[in-house]
Amino acid sequence: MSIMKKIRHKAETAGGATKKTVGKGLGNERMEAEGSTDQAKGQAKQVGDKLKEAGQKVKHVFKN
């Protein structure tokens, strides 16, 4: 897993949280919903990264 992908996924999560907060502050429900969606996507990708890393560790243990 490249460090750049991890950074990108964290940035997507943070950007979504920011968009959600700004949308809520402005009373813009659409922007708030888009922010929530972006934040959830970023979090899902981070979970996928962690699962992939765990799979690699298990593979390495059984390989040796």
N, C-alpha and C. Protein backbone atom coordinates (compact mmCIF):
# COMPACT_ATOMS: atom_id res chain seq x y z
N MET A 1 0.85 -1.17 0.00
CA MET A 1 0.00 0.00 0.00
C MET A 1 0.89 1.23 0.00
N SER A 2 0.70 2.05 -0.95
CA SER A 2 1.54 3.24 -1.04
C SER A 2 1.07 4.30 -0.05
N ILE A 3 2.03 5.05 0.42
CA ILE A 3 1.73 6.12 1.36
C ILE A 3 0.86 7.19 0.72
N MET A 4 1.03 7.39 -0.58
CA MET A 4 0.24 8.41 -1.28
C MET A 4 -1.25 8.04 -1.29
N LYS A 5 -1.55 6.75 -1.43
CA LYS A 5 -2.96 6.34 -1.41
C LYS A 5 -3.55 6.59 -0.03
N LYS A 6 -2.78 6.27 1.01
CA LYS A 6 -3.26 6.49 2.36
C LYS A 6 -3.55 7.97 2.60
N ILE A 7 -2.64 8.81 2.15
CA ILE A 7 -2.80 10.26 2.31
C ILE A 7 -4.03 10.74 1.54
N ARG A 8 -4.20 10.23 0.33
CA ARG A 8 -5.35 10.62 -0.49
C ARG A 8 -6.66 10.24 0.19
N HIS A 9 -6.71 9.05 0.78
CA HIS A 9 -7.94 8.59 1.43
C HIS A 9 -8.23 9.40 2.69
N LYS A 10 -7.18 9.73 3.45
CA LYS A 10 -7.38 10.57 4.62
C LYS A 10 -7.84 11.97 4.22
N ALA A 11 -7.27 12.48 3.12
CA ALA A 11 -7.67 13.80 2.63
C ALA A 11 -9.13 13.80 2.17
N GLU A 12 -9.54 12.71 1.55
CA GLU A 12 -10.94 12.61 1.11
C GLU A 12 -11.88 12.63 2.32
N THR A 13 -11.49 11.93 3.37
CA THR A 13 -12.29 11.91 4.59
C THR A 13 -12.35 13.30 5.21
N ALA A 14 -11.20 13.96 5.31
CA ALA A 14 -11.15 15.30 5.90
C ALA A 14 -11.92 16.31 5.04
N GLY A 15 -11.79 16.20 3.74
CA GLY A 15 -12.50 17.10 2.83
C GLY A 15 -14.01 16.92 2.96
N GLY A 16 -14.42 15.67 3.09
CA GLY A 16 -15.85 15.41 3.27
C GLY A 16 -16.38 15.98 4.57
N ALA A 17 -15.59 15.86 5.63
CA ALA A 17 -16.01 16.40 6.92
C ALA A 17 -16.11 17.93 6.85
N THR A 18 -15.15 18.54 6.17
CA THR A 18 -15.17 19.99 6.01
C THR A 18 -16.39 20.44 5.22
N LYS A 19 -16.64 19.75 4.12
CA LYS A 19 -17.78 20.09 3.26
C LYS A 19 -19.10 19.92 4.03
N LYS A 20 -19.16 18.88 4.82
CA LYS A 20 -20.35 18.62 5.63
C LYS A 20 -20.58 19.75 6.63
N THR A 21 -19.51 20.18 7.29
CA THR A 21 -19.60 21.24 8.29
C THR A 21 -19.99 22.57 7.65
N VAL A 22 -19.37 22.88 6.50
CA VAL A 22 -19.70 24.13 5.80
C VAL A 22 -21.15 24.10 5.34
N GLY A 23 -21.57 22.98 4.80
CA GLY A 23 -22.96 22.85 4.35
C GLY A 23 -23.94 23.04 5.49
N LYS A 24 -23.59 22.47 6.64
CA LYS A 24 -24.46 22.61 7.81
C LYS A 24 -24.51 24.07 8.26
N GLY A 25 -23.34 24.72 8.26
CA GLY A 25 -23.27 26.12 8.68
C GLY A 25 -24.04 27.05 7.76
N LEU A 26 -24.04 26.73 6.48
CA LEU A 26 -24.74 27.56 5.50
C LEU A 26 -26.22 27.19 5.36
N GLY A 27 -26.59 26.07 5.97
CA GLY A 27 -27.96 25.60 5.82
C GLY A 27 -28.21 24.95 4.48
N ASN A 28 -27.14 24.51 3.83
CA ASN A 28 -27.23 23.88 2.52
C ASN A 28 -27.26 22.36 2.71
N GLU A 29 -28.44 21.78 2.66
CA GLU A 29 -28.60 20.35 2.91
C GLU A 29 -27.89 19.49 1.87
N ARG A 30 -27.89 19.96 0.63
CA ARG A 30 -27.24 19.19 -0.44
C ARG A 30 -25.73 19.10 -0.19
N MET A 31 -25.12 20.22 0.14
CA MET A 31 -23.68 20.23 0.40
C MET A 31 -23.35 19.37 1.62
N GLU A 32 -24.18 19.44 2.62
CA GLU A 32 -23.99 18.65 3.83
C GLU A 32 -24.07 17.15 3.51
N ALA A 33 -25.03 16.77 2.68
CA ALA A 33 -25.18 15.37 2.28
C ALA A 33 -23.99 14.89 1.45
N GLU A 34 -23.53 15.75 0.52
CA GLU A 34 -22.37 15.39 -0.30
C GLU A 34 -21.13 15.22 0.59
N GLY A 35 -20.98 16.08 1.58
CA GLY A 35 -19.87 15.98 2.51
C GLY A 35 -19.91 14.68 3.29
N SER A 36 -21.10 14.30 3.74
CA SER A 36 -21.25 13.04 4.47
C SER A 36 -20.88 11.85 3.59
N THR A 37 -21.30 11.92 2.34
CA THR A 37 -20.98 10.85 1.39
C THR A 37 -19.48 10.76 1.14
N ASP A 38 -18.85 11.89 0.91
CA ASP A 38 -17.41 11.91 0.68
C ASP A 38 -16.65 11.39 1.90
N GLN A 39 -17.11 11.79 3.07
CA GLN A 39 -16.46 11.35 4.30
C GLN A 39 -16.60 9.83 4.46
N ALA A 40 -17.77 9.30 4.19
CA ALA A 40 -17.99 7.85 4.30
C ALA A 40 -17.15 7.08 3.28
N LYS A 41 -17.02 7.62 2.07
CA LYS A 41 -16.19 6.98 1.05
C LYS A 41 -14.75 6.90 1.50
N GLY A 42 -14.24 8.00 2.01
CA GLY A 42 -12.86 8.04 2.49
C GLY A 42 -12.62 7.06 3.62
N GLN A 43 -13.58 6.98 4.54
CA GLN A 43 -13.45 6.05 5.65
C GLN A 43 -13.49 4.60 5.17
N ALA A 44 -14.34 4.31 4.20
CA ALA A 44 -14.42 2.95 3.65
C ALA A 44 -13.11 2.57 2.97
N LYS A 45 -12.52 3.52 2.26
CA LYS A 45 -11.25 3.24 1.60
C LYS A 45 -10.14 3.01 2.62
N GLN A 46 -10.18 3.74 3.73
CA GLN A 46 -9.19 3.53 4.78
C GLN A 46 -9.33 2.15 5.40
N VAL A 47 -10.56 1.70 5.60
CA VAL A 47 -10.79 0.35 6.12
C VAL A 47 -10.27 -0.69 5.13
N GLY A 48 -10.51 -0.45 3.85
CA GLY A 48 -10.00 -1.36 2.82
C GLY A 48 -8.48 -1.43 2.84
N ASP A 49 -7.83 -0.28 3.05
CA ASP A 49 -6.37 -0.25 3.15
C ASP A 49 -5.89 -1.11 4.31
N LYS A 50 -6.56 -0.97 5.45
CA LYS A 50 -6.17 -1.73 6.64
C LYS A 50 -6.37 -3.22 6.43
N LEU A 51 -7.47 -3.59 5.78
CA LEU A 51 -7.71 -5.01 5.50
C LEU A 51 -6.65 -5.58 4.54
N LYS A 52 -6.30 -4.79 3.57
CA LYS A 52 -5.29 -5.23 2.61
C LYS A 52 -3.95 -5.42 3.31
N GLU A 53 -3.58 -4.52 4.19
CA GLU A 53 -2.33 -4.65 4.94
C GLU A 53 -2.36 -5.88 5.83
N ALA A 54 -3.50 -6.11 6.49
CA ALA A 54 -3.63 -7.29 7.35
C ALA A 54 -3.50 -8.57 6.53
N GLY A 55 -4.08 -8.59 5.34
CA GLY A 55 -3.98 -9.74 4.46
C GLY A 55 -2.54 -10.00 4.05
N GLN A 56 -1.80 -8.94 3.79
CA GLN A 56 -0.39 -9.08 3.42
C GLN A 56 0.42 -9.65 4.58
N LYS A 57 0.11 -9.22 5.80
CA LYS A 57 0.82 -9.73 6.98
C LYS A 57 0.53 -11.22 7.17
N VAL A 58 -0.73 -11.62 7.01
CA VAL A 58 -1.09 -13.02 7.15
C VAL A 58 -0.41 -13.84 6.08
N LYS A 59 -0.39 -13.34 4.88
CA LYS A 59 0.26 -14.03 3.78
C LYS A 59 1.75 -14.21 4.06
N HIS A 60 2.37 -13.19 4.62
CA HIS A 60 3.79 -13.26 4.95
C HIS A 60 4.05 -14.30 6.04
N VAL A 61 3.18 -14.37 7.03
CA VAL A 61 3.35 -15.34 8.13
C VAL A 61 3.28 -16.76 7.61
N PHE A 62 2.31 -17.04 6.75
CA PHE A 62 2.17 -18.39 6.23
C PHE A 62 3.22 -18.75 5.19
N LYS A 63 3.77 -17.74 4.57
CA LYS A 63 4.78 -17.97 3.55
C LYS A 63 6.09 -18.44 4.20
N ASN A 64 6.38 -17.92 5.39
CA ASN A 64 7.62 -18.27 6.09
C ASN A 64 7.37 -19.40 7.00
